Amino acid sequence: DIDQWPFPEAGHTLQLPLMGNVMQ
């Protein structure tokens, strides 16, 4: 899941999948 996380960008909302959840 973490391998799918995008590179962080300042001022942007990221969608982070983790174990059946999506962290915004």
PDBML (XML) file of the C-alpha atoms, coordinates in Angstrom:
<?xml version="1.0" encoding="UTF-8" ?>
<PDBx:datablock datablockName="MODEL"
   xmlns:PDBx="http://pdbml.pdb.org/schema/pdbx-v50.xsd"
   xmlns:xsi="http://www.w3.org/2001/XMLSchema-instance"
   xsi:schemaLocation="http://pdbml.pdb.org/schema/pdbx-v50.xsd pdbx-v50.xsd">
   <PDBx:atom_siteCategory>
      <PDBx:atom_site id="1">
         <PDBx:B_iso_or_equiv>0.00</PDBx:B_iso_or_equiv>
         <PDBx:Cartn_x>0.000</PDBx:Cartn_x>
         <PDBx:Cartn_y>0.000</PDBx:Cartn_y>
         <PDBx:Cartn_z>0.000</PDBx:Cartn_z>
         <PDBx:auth_asym_id>A</PDBx:auth_asym_id>
         <PDBx:auth_atom_id>CA</PDBx:auth_atom_id>
         <PDBx:auth_comp_id>ASP</PDBx:auth_comp_id>
         <PDBx:auth_seq_id>1</PDBx:auth_seq_id>
         <PDBx:group_PDB>ATOM</PDBx:group_PDB>
         <PDBx:label_alt_id xsi:nil="true" />
         <PDBx:label_asym_id>A</PDBx:label_asym_id>
         <PDBx:label_atom_id>CA</PDBx:label_atom_id>
         <PDBx:label_comp_id>ASP</PDBx:label_comp_id>
         <PDBx:label_entity_id>1</PDBx:label_entity_id>
         <PDBx:label_seq_id>1</PDBx:label_seq_id>
         <PDBx:occupancy>1.00</PDBx:occupancy>
         <PDBx:pdbx_PDB_model_num>1</PDBx:pdbx_PDB_model_num>
         <PDBx:type_symbol>C</PDBx:type_symbol>
      </PDBx:atom_site>
      <PDBx:atom_site id="2">
         <PDBx:B_iso_or_equiv>0.00</PDBx:B_iso_or_equiv>
         <PDBx:Cartn_x>2.713</PDBx:Cartn_x>
         <PDBx:Cartn_y>2.479</PDBx:Cartn_y>
         <PDBx:Cartn_z>0.996</PDBx:Cartn_z>
         <PDBx:auth_asym_id>A</PDBx:auth_asym_id>
         <PDBx:auth_atom_id>CA</PDBx:auth_atom_id>
         <PDBx:auth_comp_id>ILE</PDBx:auth_comp_id>
         <PDBx:auth_seq_id>2</PDBx:auth_seq_id>
         <PDBx:group_PDB>ATOM</PDBx:group_PDB>
         <PDBx:label_alt_id xsi:nil="true" />
         <PDBx:label_asym_id>A</PDBx:label_asym_id>
         <PDBx:label_atom_id>CA</PDBx:label_atom_id>
         <PDBx:label_comp_id>ILE</PDBx:label_comp_id>
         <PDBx:label_entity_id>1</PDBx:label_entity_id>
         <PDBx:label_seq_id>2</PDBx:label_seq_id>
         <PDBx:occupancy>1.00</PDBx:occupancy>
         <PDBx:pdbx_PDB_model_num>1</PDBx:pdbx_PDB_model_num>
         <PDBx:type_symbol>C</PDBx:type_symbol>
      </PDBx:atom_site>
      <PDBx:atom_site id="3">
         <PDBx:B_iso_or_equiv>0.00</PDBx:B_iso_or_equiv>
         <PDBx:Cartn_x>4.530</PDBx:Cartn_x>
         <PDBx:Cartn_y>1.755</PDBx:Cartn_y>
         <PDBx:Cartn_z>-2.260</PDBx:Cartn_z>
         <PDBx:auth_asym_id>A</PDBx:auth_asym_id>
         <PDBx:auth_atom_id>CA</PDBx:auth_atom_id>
         <PDBx:auth_comp_id>ASP</PDBx:auth_comp_id>
         <PDBx:auth_seq_id>3</PDBx:auth_seq_id>
         <PDBx:group_PDB>ATOM</PDBx:group_PDB>
         <PDBx:label_alt_id xsi:nil="true" />
         <PDBx:label_asym_id>A</PDBx:label_asym_id>
         <PDBx:label_atom_id>CA</PDBx:label_atom_id>
         <PDBx:label_comp_id>ASP</PDBx:label_comp_id>
         <PDBx:label_entity_id>1</PDBx:label_entity_id>
         <PDBx:label_seq_id>3</PDBx:label_seq_id>
         <PDBx:occupancy>1.00</PDBx:occupancy>
         <PDBx:pdbx_PDB_model_num>1</PDBx:pdbx_PDB_model_num>
         <PDBx:type_symbol>C</PDBx:type_symbol>
      </PDBx:atom_site>
      <PDBx:atom_site id="4">
         <PDBx:B_iso_or_equiv>0.00</PDBx:B_iso_or_equiv>
         <PDBx:Cartn_x>1.505</PDBx:Cartn_x>
         <PDBx:Cartn_y>3.250</PDBx:Cartn_y>
         <PDBx:Cartn_z>-4.050</PDBx:Cartn_z>
         <PDBx:auth_asym_id>A</PDBx:auth_asym_id>
         <PDBx:auth_atom_id>CA</PDBx:auth_atom_id>
         <PDBx:auth_comp_id>GLN</PDBx:auth_comp_id>
         <PDBx:auth_seq_id>4</PDBx:auth_seq_id>
         <PDBx:group_PDB>ATOM</PDBx:group_PDB>
         <PDBx:label_alt_id xsi:nil="true" />
         <PDBx:label_asym_id>A</PDBx:label_asym_id>
         <PDBx:label_atom_id>CA</PDBx:label_atom_id>
         <PDBx:label_comp_id>GLN</PDBx:label_comp_id>
         <PDBx:label_entity_id>1</PDBx:label_entity_id>
         <PDBx:label_seq_id>4</PDBx:label_seq_id>
         <PDBx:occupancy>1.00</PDBx:occupancy>
         <PDBx:pdbx_PDB_model_num>1</PDBx:pdbx_PDB_model_num>
         <PDBx:type_symbol>C</PDBx:type_symbol>
      </PDBx:atom_site>
      <PDBx:atom_site id="5">
         <PDBx:B_iso_or_equiv>0.00</PDBx:B_iso_or_equiv>
         <PDBx:Cartn_x>1.703</PDBx:Cartn_x>
         <PDBx:Cartn_y>6.540</PDBx:Cartn_y>
         <PDBx:Cartn_z>-2.160</PDBx:Cartn_z>
         <PDBx:auth_asym_id>A</PDBx:auth_asym_id>
         <PDBx:auth_atom_id>CA</PDBx:auth_atom_id>
         <PDBx:auth_comp_id>TRP</PDBx:auth_comp_id>
         <PDBx:auth_seq_id>5</PDBx:auth_seq_id>
         <PDBx:group_PDB>ATOM</PDBx:group_PDB>
         <PDBx:label_alt_id xsi:nil="true" />
         <PDBx:label_asym_id>A</PDBx:label_asym_id>
         <PDBx:label_atom_id>CA</PDBx:label_atom_id>
         <PDBx:label_comp_id>TRP</PDBx:label_comp_id>
         <PDBx:label_entity_id>1</PDBx:label_entity_id>
         <PDBx:label_seq_id>5</PDBx:label_seq_id>
         <PDBx:occupancy>1.00</PDBx:occupancy>
         <PDBx:pdbx_PDB_model_num>1</PDBx:pdbx_PDB_model_num>
         <PDBx:type_symbol>C</PDBx:type_symbol>
      </PDBx:atom_site>
      <PDBx:atom_site id="6">
         <PDBx:B_iso_or_equiv>0.00</PDBx:B_iso_or_equiv>
         <PDBx:Cartn_x>2.491</PDBx:Cartn_x>
         <PDBx:Cartn_y>9.580</PDBx:Cartn_y>
         <PDBx:Cartn_z>-4.333</PDBx:Cartn_z>
         <PDBx:auth_asym_id>A</PDBx:auth_asym_id>
         <PDBx:auth_atom_id>CA</PDBx:auth_atom_id>
         <PDBx:auth_comp_id>PRO</PDBx:auth_comp_id>
         <PDBx:auth_seq_id>6</PDBx:auth_seq_id>
         <PDBx:group_PDB>ATOM</PDBx:group_PDB>
         <PDBx:label_alt_id xsi:nil="true" />
         <PDBx:label_asym_id>A</PDBx:label_asym_id>
         <PDBx:label_atom_id>CA</PDBx:label_atom_id>
         <PDBx:label_comp_id>PRO</PDBx:label_comp_id>
         <PDBx:label_entity_id>1</PDBx:label_entity_id>
         <PDBx:label_seq_id>6</PDBx:label_seq_id>
         <PDBx:occupancy>1.00</PDBx:occupancy>
         <PDBx:pdbx_PDB_model_num>1</PDBx:pdbx_PDB_model_num>
         <PDBx:type_symbol>C</PDBx:type_symbol>
      </PDBx:atom_site>
      <PDBx:atom_site id="7">
         <PDBx:B_iso_or_equiv>0.00</PDBx:B_iso_or_equiv>
         <PDBx:Cartn_x>5.449</PDBx:Cartn_x>
         <PDBx:Cartn_y>11.867</PDBx:Cartn_y>
         <PDBx:Cartn_z>-3.688</PDBx:Cartn_z>
         <PDBx:auth_asym_id>A</PDBx:auth_asym_id>
         <PDBx:auth_atom_id>CA</PDBx:auth_atom_id>
         <PDBx:auth_comp_id>PHE</PDBx:auth_comp_id>
         <PDBx:auth_seq_id>7</PDBx:auth_seq_id>
         <PDBx:group_PDB>ATOM</PDBx:group_PDB>
         <PDBx:label_alt_id xsi:nil="true" />
         <PDBx:label_asym_id>A</PDBx:label_asym_id>
         <PDBx:label_atom_id>CA</PDBx:label_atom_id>
         <PDBx:label_comp_id>PHE</PDBx:label_comp_id>
         <PDBx:label_entity_id>1</PDBx:label_entity_id>
         <PDBx:label_seq_id>7</PDBx:label_seq_id>
         <PDBx:occupancy>1.00</PDBx:occupancy>
         <PDBx:pdbx_PDB_model_num>1</PDBx:pdbx_PDB_model_num>
         <PDBx:type_symbol>C</PDBx:type_symbol>
      </PDBx:atom_site>
      <PDBx:atom_site id="8">
         <PDBx:B_iso_or_equiv>0.00</PDBx:B_iso_or_equiv>
         <PDBx:Cartn_x>4.309</PDBx:Cartn_x>
         <PDBx:Cartn_y>14.618</PDBx:Cartn_y>
         <PDBx:Cartn_z>-1.273</PDBx:Cartn_z>
         <PDBx:auth_asym_id>A</PDBx:auth_asym_id>
         <PDBx:auth_atom_id>CA</PDBx:auth_atom_id>
         <PDBx:auth_comp_id>PRO</PDBx:auth_comp_id>
         <PDBx:auth_seq_id>8</PDBx:auth_seq_id>
         <PDBx:group_PDB>ATOM</PDBx:group_PDB>
         <PDBx:label_alt_id xsi:nil="true" />
         <PDBx:label_asym_id>A</PDBx:label_asym_id>
         <PDBx:label_atom_id>CA</PDBx:label_atom_id>
         <PDBx:label_comp_id>PRO</PDBx:label_comp_id>
         <PDBx:label_entity_id>1</PDBx:label_entity_id>
         <PDBx:label_seq_id>8</PDBx:label_seq_id>
         <PDBx:occupancy>1.00</PDBx:occupancy>
         <PDBx:pdbx_PDB_model_num>1</PDBx:pdbx_PDB_model_num>
         <PDBx:type_symbol>C</PDBx:type_symbol>
      </PDBx:atom_site>
      <PDBx:atom_site id="9">
         <PDBx:B_iso_or_equiv>0.00</PDBx:B_iso_or_equiv>
         <PDBx:Cartn_x>3.539</PDBx:Cartn_x>
         <PDBx:Cartn_y>18.058</PDBx:Cartn_y>
         <PDBx:Cartn_z>-2.701</PDBx:Cartn_z>
         <PDBx:auth_asym_id>A</PDBx:auth_asym_id>
         <PDBx:auth_atom_id>CA</PDBx:auth_atom_id>
         <PDBx:auth_comp_id>GLU</PDBx:auth_comp_id>
         <PDBx:auth_seq_id>9</PDBx:auth_seq_id>
         <PDBx:group_PDB>ATOM</PDBx:group_PDB>
         <PDBx:label_alt_id xsi:nil="true" />
         <PDBx:label_asym_id>A</PDBx:label_asym_id>
         <PDBx:label_atom_id>CA</PDBx:label_atom_id>
         <PDBx:label_comp_id>GLU</PDBx:label_comp_id>
         <PDBx:label_entity_id>1</PDBx:label_entity_id>
         <PDBx:label_seq_id>9</PDBx:label_seq_id>
         <PDBx:occupancy>1.00</PDBx:occupancy>
         <PDBx:pdbx_PDB_model_num>1</PDBx:pdbx_PDB_model_num>
         <PDBx:type_symbol>C</PDBx:type_symbol>
      </PDBx:atom_site>
      <PDBx:atom_site id="10">
         <PDBx:B_iso_or_equiv>0.00</PDBx:B_iso_or_equiv>
         <PDBx:Cartn_x>3.184</PDBx:Cartn_x>
         <PDBx:Cartn_y>21.161</PDBx:Cartn_y>
         <PDBx:Cartn_z>-0.549</PDBx:Cartn_z>
         <PDBx:auth_asym_id>A</PDBx:auth_asym_id>
         <PDBx:auth_atom_id>CA</PDBx:auth_atom_id>
         <PDBx:auth_comp_id>ALA</PDBx:auth_comp_id>
         <PDBx:auth_seq_id>10</PDBx:auth_seq_id>
         <PDBx:group_PDB>ATOM</PDBx:group_PDB>
         <PDBx:label_alt_id xsi:nil="true" />
         <PDBx:label_asym_id>A</PDBx:label_asym_id>
         <PDBx:label_atom_id>CA</PDBx:label_atom_id>
         <PDBx:label_comp_id>ALA</PDBx:label_comp_id>
         <PDBx:label_entity_id>1</PDBx:label_entity_id>
         <PDBx:label_seq_id>10</PDBx:label_seq_id>
         <PDBx:occupancy>1.00</PDBx:occupancy>
         <PDBx:pdbx_PDB_model_num>1</PDBx:pdbx_PDB_model_num>
         <PDBx:type_symbol>C</PDBx:type_symbol>
      </PDBx:atom_site>
      <PDBx:atom_site id="11">
         <PDBx:B_iso_or_equiv>0.00</PDBx:B_iso_or_equiv>
         <PDBx:Cartn_x>-0.305</PDBx:Cartn_x>
         <PDBx:Cartn_y>22.635</PDBx:Cartn_y>
         <PDBx:Cartn_z>-0.621</PDBx:Cartn_z>
         <PDBx:auth_asym_id>A</PDBx:auth_asym_id>
         <PDBx:auth_atom_id>CA</PDBx:auth_atom_id>
         <PDBx:auth_comp_id>GLY</PDBx:auth_comp_id>
         <PDBx:auth_seq_id>11</PDBx:auth_seq_id>
         <PDBx:group_PDB>ATOM</PDBx:group_PDB>
         <PDBx:label_alt_id xsi:nil="true" />
         <PDBx:label_asym_id>A</PDBx:label_asym_id>
         <PDBx:label_atom_id>CA</PDBx:label_atom_id>
         <PDBx:label_comp_id>GLY</PDBx:label_comp_id>
         <PDBx:label_entity_id>1</PDBx:label_entity_id>
         <PDBx:label_seq_id>11</PDBx:label_seq_id>
         <PDBx:occupancy>1.00</PDBx:occupancy>
         <PDBx:pdbx_PDB_model_num>1</PDBx:pdbx_PDB_model_num>
         <PDBx:type_symbol>C</PDBx:type_symbol>
      </PDBx:atom_site>
      <PDBx:atom_site id="12">
         <PDBx:B_iso_or_equiv>0.00</PDBx:B_iso_or_equiv>
         <PDBx:Cartn_x>-1.838</PDBx:Cartn_x>
         <PDBx:Cartn_y>19.507</PDBx:Cartn_y>
         <PDBx:Cartn_z>-2.186</PDBx:Cartn_z>
         <PDBx:auth_asym_id>A</PDBx:auth_asym_id>
         <PDBx:auth_atom_id>CA</PDBx:auth_atom_id>
         <PDBx:auth_comp_id>HIS</PDBx:auth_comp_id>
         <PDBx:auth_seq_id>12</PDBx:auth_seq_id>
         <PDBx:group_PDB>ATOM</PDBx:group_PDB>
         <PDBx:label_alt_id xsi:nil="true" />
         <PDBx:label_asym_id>A</PDBx:label_asym_id>
         <PDBx:label_atom_id>CA</PDBx:label_atom_id>
         <PDBx:label_comp_id>HIS</PDBx:label_comp_id>
         <PDBx:label_entity_id>1</PDBx:label_entity_id>
         <PDBx:label_seq_id>12</PDBx:label_seq_id>
         <PDBx:occupancy>1.00</PDBx:occupancy>
         <PDBx:pdbx_PDB_model_num>1</PDBx:pdbx_PDB_model_num>
         <PDBx:type_symbol>C</PDBx:type_symbol>
      </PDBx:atom_site>
      <PDBx:atom_site id="13">
         <PDBx:B_iso_or_equiv>0.00</PDBx:B_iso_or_equiv>
         <PDBx:Cartn_x>-4.164</PDBx:Cartn_x>
         <PDBx:Cartn_y>16.913</PDBx:Cartn_y>
         <PDBx:Cartn_z>-0.689</PDBx:Cartn_z>
         <PDBx:auth_asym_id>A</PDBx:auth_asym_id>
         <PDBx:auth_atom_id>CA</PDBx:auth_atom_id>
         <PDBx:auth_comp_id>THR</PDBx:auth_comp_id>
         <PDBx:auth_seq_id>13</PDBx:auth_seq_id>
         <PDBx:group_PDB>ATOM</PDBx:group_PDB>
         <PDBx:label_alt_id xsi:nil="true" />
         <PDBx:label_asym_id>A</PDBx:label_asym_id>
         <PDBx:label_atom_id>CA</PDBx:label_atom_id>
         <PDBx:label_comp_id>THR</PDBx:label_comp_id>
         <PDBx:label_entity_id>1</PDBx:label_entity_id>
         <PDBx:label_seq_id>13</PDBx:label_seq_id>
         <PDBx:occupancy>1.00</PDBx:occupancy>
         <PDBx:pdbx_PDB_model_num>1</PDBx:pdbx_PDB_model_num>
         <PDBx:type_symbol>C</PDBx:type_symbol>
      </PDBx:atom_site>
      <PDBx:atom_site id="14">
         <PDBx:B_iso_or_equiv>0.00</PDBx:B_iso_or_equiv>
         <PDBx:Cartn_x>-2.782</PDBx:Cartn_x>
         <PDBx:Cartn_y>13.387</PDBx:Cartn_y>
         <PDBx:Cartn_z>-1.038</PDBx:Cartn_z>
         <PDBx:auth_asym_id>A</PDBx:auth_asym_id>
         <PDBx:auth_atom_id>CA</PDBx:auth_atom_id>
         <PDBx:auth_comp_id>LEU</PDBx:auth_comp_id>
         <PDBx:auth_seq_id>14</PDBx:auth_seq_id>
         <PDBx:group_PDB>ATOM</PDBx:group_PDB>
         <PDBx:label_alt_id xsi:nil="true" />
         <PDBx:label_asym_id>A</PDBx:label_asym_id>
         <PDBx:label_atom_id>CA</PDBx:label_atom_id>
         <PDBx:label_comp_id>LEU</PDBx:label_comp_id>
         <PDBx:label_entity_id>1</PDBx:label_entity_id>
         <PDBx:label_seq_id>14</PDBx:label_seq_id>
         <PDBx:occupancy>1.00</PDBx:occupancy>
         <PDBx:pdbx_PDB_model_num>1</PDBx:pdbx_PDB_model_num>
         <PDBx:type_symbol>C</PDBx:type_symbol>
      </PDBx:atom_site>
      <PDBx:atom_site id="15">
         <PDBx:B_iso_or_equiv>0.00</PDBx:B_iso_or_equiv>
         <PDBx:Cartn_x>-4.801</PDBx:Cartn_x>
         <PDBx:Cartn_y>10.159</PDBx:Cartn_y>
         <PDBx:Cartn_z>-1.165</PDBx:Cartn_z>
         <PDBx:auth_asym_id>A</PDBx:auth_asym_id>
         <PDBx:auth_atom_id>CA</PDBx:auth_atom_id>
         <PDBx:auth_comp_id>GLN</PDBx:auth_comp_id>
         <PDBx:auth_seq_id>15</PDBx:auth_seq_id>
         <PDBx:group_PDB>ATOM</PDBx:group_PDB>
         <PDBx:label_alt_id xsi:nil="true" />
         <PDBx:label_asym_id>A</PDBx:label_asym_id>
         <PDBx:label_atom_id>CA</PDBx:label_atom_id>
         <PDBx:label_comp_id>GLN</PDBx:label_comp_id>
         <PDBx:label_entity_id>1</PDBx:label_entity_id>
         <PDBx:label_seq_id>15</PDBx:label_seq_id>
         <PDBx:occupancy>1.00</PDBx:occupancy>
         <PDBx:pdbx_PDB_model_num>1</PDBx:pdbx_PDB_model_num>
         <PDBx:type_symbol>C</PDBx:type_symbol>
      </PDBx:atom_site>
      <PDBx:atom_site id="16">
         <PDBx:B_iso_or_equiv>0.00</PDBx:B_iso_or_equiv>
         <PDBx:Cartn_x>-2.896</PDBx:Cartn_x>
         <PDBx:Cartn_y>7.505</PDBx:Cartn_y>
         <PDBx:Cartn_z>0.802</PDBx:Cartn_z>
         <PDBx:auth_asym_id>A</PDBx:auth_asym_id>
         <PDBx:auth_atom_id>CA</PDBx:auth_atom_id>
         <PDBx:auth_comp_id>LEU</PDBx:auth_comp_id>
         <PDBx:auth_seq_id>16</PDBx:auth_seq_id>
         <PDBx:group_PDB>ATOM</PDBx:group_PDB>
         <PDBx:label_alt_id xsi:nil="true" />
         <PDBx:label_asym_id>A</PDBx:label_asym_id>
         <PDBx:label_atom_id>CA</PDBx:label_atom_id>
         <PDBx:label_comp_id>LEU</PDBx:label_comp_id>
         <PDBx:label_entity_id>1</PDBx:label_entity_id>
         <PDBx:label_seq_id>16</PDBx:label_seq_id>
         <PDBx:occupancy>1.00</PDBx:occupancy>
         <PDBx:pdbx_PDB_model_num>1</PDBx:pdbx_PDB_model_num>
         <PDBx:type_symbol>C</PDBx:type_symbol>
      </PDBx:atom_site>
      <PDBx:atom_site id="17">
         <PDBx:B_iso_or_equiv>0.00</PDBx:B_iso_or_equiv>
         <PDBx:Cartn_x>-4.333</PDBx:Cartn_x>
         <PDBx:Cartn_y>3.960</PDBx:Cartn_y>
         <PDBx:Cartn_z>0.715</PDBx:Cartn_z>
         <PDBx:auth_asym_id>A</PDBx:auth_asym_id>
         <PDBx:auth_atom_id>CA</PDBx:auth_atom_id>
         <PDBx:auth_comp_id>PRO</PDBx:auth_comp_id>
         <PDBx:auth_seq_id>17</PDBx:auth_seq_id>
         <PDBx:group_PDB>ATOM</PDBx:group_PDB>
         <PDBx:label_alt_id xsi:nil="true" />
         <PDBx:label_asym_id>A</PDBx:label_asym_id>
         <PDBx:label_atom_id>CA</PDBx:label_atom_id>
         <PDBx:label_comp_id>PRO</PDBx:label_comp_id>
         <PDBx:label_entity_id>1</PDBx:label_entity_id>
         <PDBx:label_seq_id>17</PDBx:label_seq_id>
         <PDBx:occupancy>1.00</PDBx:occupancy>
         <PDBx:pdbx_PDB_model_num>1</PDBx:pdbx_PDB_model_num>
         <PDBx:type_symbol>C</PDBx:type_symbol>
      </PDBx:atom_site>
      <PDBx:atom_site id="18">
         <PDBx:B_iso_or_equiv>0.00</PDBx:B_iso_or_equiv>
         <PDBx:Cartn_x>-3.587</PDBx:Cartn_x>
         <PDBx:Cartn_y>1.832</PDBx:Cartn_y>
         <PDBx:Cartn_z>3.783</PDBx:Cartn_z>
         <PDBx:auth_asym_id>A</PDBx:auth_asym_id>
         <PDBx:auth_atom_id>CA</PDBx:auth_atom_id>
         <PDBx:auth_comp_id>LEU</PDBx:auth_comp_id>
         <PDBx:auth_seq_id>18</PDBx:auth_seq_id>
         <PDBx:group_PDB>ATOM</PDBx:group_PDB>
         <PDBx:label_alt_id xsi:nil="true" />
         <PDBx:label_asym_id>A</PDBx:label_asym_id>
         <PDBx:label_atom_id>CA</PDBx:label_atom_id>
         <PDBx:label_comp_id>LEU</PDBx:label_comp_id>
         <PDBx:label_entity_id>1</PDBx:label_entity_id>
         <PDBx:label_seq_id>18</PDBx:label_seq_id>
         <PDBx:occupancy>1.00</PDBx:occupancy>
         <PDBx:pdbx_PDB_model_num>1</PDBx:pdbx_PDB_model_num>
         <PDBx:type_symbol>C</PDBx:type_symbol>
      </PDBx:atom_site>
      <PDBx:atom_site id="19">
         <PDBx:B_iso_or_equiv>0.00</PDBx:B_iso_or_equiv>
         <PDBx:Cartn_x>-5.188</PDBx:Cartn_x>
         <PDBx:Cartn_y>-1.484</PDBx:Cartn_y>
         <PDBx:Cartn_z>4.768</PDBx:Cartn_z>
         <PDBx:auth_asym_id>A</PDBx:auth_asym_id>
         <PDBx:auth_atom_id>CA</PDBx:auth_atom_id>
         <PDBx:auth_comp_id>MET</PDBx:auth_comp_id>
         <PDBx:auth_seq_id>19</PDBx:auth_seq_id>
         <PDBx:group_PDB>ATOM</PDBx:group_PDB>
         <PDBx:label_alt_id xsi:nil="true" />
         <PDBx:label_asym_id>A</PDBx:label_asym_id>
         <PDBx:label_atom_id>CA</PDBx:label_atom_id>
         <PDBx:label_comp_id>MET</PDBx:label_comp_id>
         <PDBx:label_entity_id>1</PDBx:label_entity_id>
         <PDBx:label_seq_id>19</PDBx:label_seq_id>
         <PDBx:occupancy>1.00</PDBx:occupancy>
         <PDBx:pdbx_PDB_model_num>1</PDBx:pdbx_PDB_model_num>
         <PDBx:type_symbol>C</PDBx:type_symbol>
      </PDBx:atom_site>
      <PDBx:atom_site id="20">
         <PDBx:B_iso_or_equiv>0.00</PDBx:B_iso_or_equiv>
         <PDBx:Cartn_x>-8.631</PDBx:Cartn_x>
         <PDBx:Cartn_y>-0.799</PDBx:Cartn_y>
         <PDBx:Cartn_z>3.356</PDBx:Cartn_z>
         <PDBx:auth_asym_id>A</PDBx:auth_asym_id>
         <PDBx:auth_atom_id>CA</PDBx:auth_atom_id>
         <PDBx:auth_comp_id>GLY</PDBx:auth_comp_id>
         <PDBx:auth_seq_id>20</PDBx:auth_seq_id>
         <PDBx:group_PDB>ATOM</PDBx:group_PDB>
         <PDBx:label_alt_id xsi:nil="true" />
         <PDBx:label_asym_id>A</PDBx:label_asym_id>
         <PDBx:label_atom_id>CA</PDBx:label_atom_id>
         <PDBx:label_comp_id>GLY</PDBx:label_comp_id>
         <PDBx:label_entity_id>1</PDBx:label_entity_id>
         <PDBx:label_seq_id>20</PDBx:label_seq_id>
         <PDBx:occupancy>1.00</PDBx:occupancy>
         <PDBx:pdbx_PDB_model_num>1</PDBx:pdbx_PDB_model_num>
         <PDBx:type_symbol>C</PDBx:type_symbol>
      </PDBx:atom_site>
      <PDBx:atom_site id="21">
         <PDBx:B_iso_or_equiv>0.00</PDBx:B_iso_or_equiv>
         <PDBx:Cartn_x>-8.623</PDBx:Cartn_x>
         <PDBx:Cartn_y>2.878</PDBx:Cartn_y>
         <PDBx:Cartn_z>4.339</PDBx:Cartn_z>
         <PDBx:auth_asym_id>A</PDBx:auth_asym_id>
         <PDBx:auth_atom_id>CA</PDBx:auth_atom_id>
         <PDBx:auth_comp_id>ASN</PDBx:auth_comp_id>
         <PDBx:auth_seq_id>21</PDBx:auth_seq_id>
         <PDBx:group_PDB>ATOM</PDBx:group_PDB>
         <PDBx:label_alt_id xsi:nil="true" />
         <PDBx:label_asym_id>A</PDBx:label_asym_id>
         <PDBx:label_atom_id>CA</PDBx:label_atom_id>
         <PDBx:label_comp_id>ASN</PDBx:label_comp_id>
         <PDBx:label_entity_id>1</PDBx:label_entity_id>
         <PDBx:label_seq_id>21</PDBx:label_seq_id>
         <PDBx:occupancy>1.00</PDBx:occupancy>
         <PDBx:pdbx_PDB_model_num>1</PDBx:pdbx_PDB_model_num>
         <PDBx:type_symbol>C</PDBx:type_symbol>
      </PDBx:atom_site>
      <PDBx:atom_site id="22">
         <PDBx:B_iso_or_equiv>0.00</PDBx:B_iso_or_equiv>
         <PDBx:Cartn_x>-7.821</PDBx:Cartn_x>
         <PDBx:Cartn_y>6.005</PDBx:Cartn_y>
         <PDBx:Cartn_z>2.375</PDBx:Cartn_z>
         <PDBx:auth_asym_id>A</PDBx:auth_asym_id>
         <PDBx:auth_atom_id>CA</PDBx:auth_atom_id>
         <PDBx:auth_comp_id>VAL</PDBx:auth_comp_id>
         <PDBx:auth_seq_id>22</PDBx:auth_seq_id>
         <PDBx:group_PDB>ATOM</PDBx:group_PDB>
         <PDBx:label_alt_id xsi:nil="true" />
         <PDBx:label_asym_id>A</PDBx:label_asym_id>
         <PDBx:label_atom_id>CA</PDBx:label_atom_id>
         <PDBx:label_comp_id>VAL</PDBx:label_comp_id>
         <PDBx:label_entity_id>1</PDBx:label_entity_id>
         <PDBx:label_seq_id>22</PDBx:label_seq_id>
         <PDBx:occupancy>1.00</PDBx:occupancy>
         <PDBx:pdbx_PDB_model_num>1</PDBx:pdbx_PDB_model_num>
         <PDBx:type_symbol>C</PDBx:type_symbol>
      </PDBx:atom_site>
      <PDBx:atom_site id="23">
         <PDBx:B_iso_or_equiv>0.00</PDBx:B_iso_or_equiv>
         <PDBx:Cartn_x>-5.921</PDBx:Cartn_x>
         <PDBx:Cartn_y>8.672</PDBx:Cartn_y>
         <PDBx:Cartn_z>4.307</PDBx:Cartn_z>
         <PDBx:auth_asym_id>A</PDBx:auth_asym_id>
         <PDBx:auth_atom_id>CA</PDBx:auth_atom_id>
         <PDBx:auth_comp_id>MET</PDBx:auth_comp_id>
         <PDBx:auth_seq_id>23</PDBx:auth_seq_id>
         <PDBx:group_PDB>ATOM</PDBx:group_PDB>
         <PDBx:label_alt_id xsi:nil="true" />
         <PDBx:label_asym_id>A</PDBx:label_asym_id>
         <PDBx:label_atom_id>CA</PDBx:label_atom_id>
         <PDBx:label_comp_id>MET</PDBx:label_comp_id>
         <PDBx:label_entity_id>1</PDBx:label_entity_id>
         <PDBx:label_seq_id>23</PDBx:label_seq_id>
         <PDBx:occupancy>1.00</PDBx:occupancy>
         <PDBx:pdbx_PDB_model_num>1</PDBx:pdbx_PDB_model_num>
         <PDBx:type_symbol>C</PDBx:type_symbol>
      </PDBx:atom_site>
      <PDBx:atom_site id="24">
         <PDBx:B_iso_or_equiv>0.00</PDBx:B_iso_or_equiv>
         <PDBx:Cartn_x>-6.528</PDBx:Cartn_x>
         <PDBx:Cartn_y>12.187</PDBx:Cartn_y>
         <PDBx:Cartn_z>2.999</PDBx:Cartn_z>
         <PDBx:auth_asym_id>A</PDBx:auth_asym_id>
         <PDBx:auth_atom_id>CA</PDBx:auth_atom_id>
         <PDBx:auth_comp_id>GLN</PDBx:auth_comp_id>
         <PDBx:auth_seq_id>24</PDBx:auth_seq_id>
         <PDBx:group_PDB>ATOM</PDBx:group_PDB>
         <PDBx:label_alt_id xsi:nil="true" />
         <PDBx:label_asym_id>A</PDBx:label_asym_id>
         <PDBx:label_atom_id>CA</PDBx:label_atom_id>
         <PDBx:label_comp_id>GLN</PDBx:label_comp_id>
         <PDBx:label_entity_id>1</PDBx:label_entity_id>
         <PDBx:label_seq_id>24</PDBx:label_seq_id>
         <PDBx:occupancy>1.00</PDBx:occupancy>
         <PDBx:pdbx_PDB_model_num>1</PDBx:pdbx_PDB_model_num>
         <PDBx:type_symbol>C</PDBx:type_symbol>
      </PDBx:atom_site>
   </PDBx:atom_siteCategory>
</PDBx:datablock>
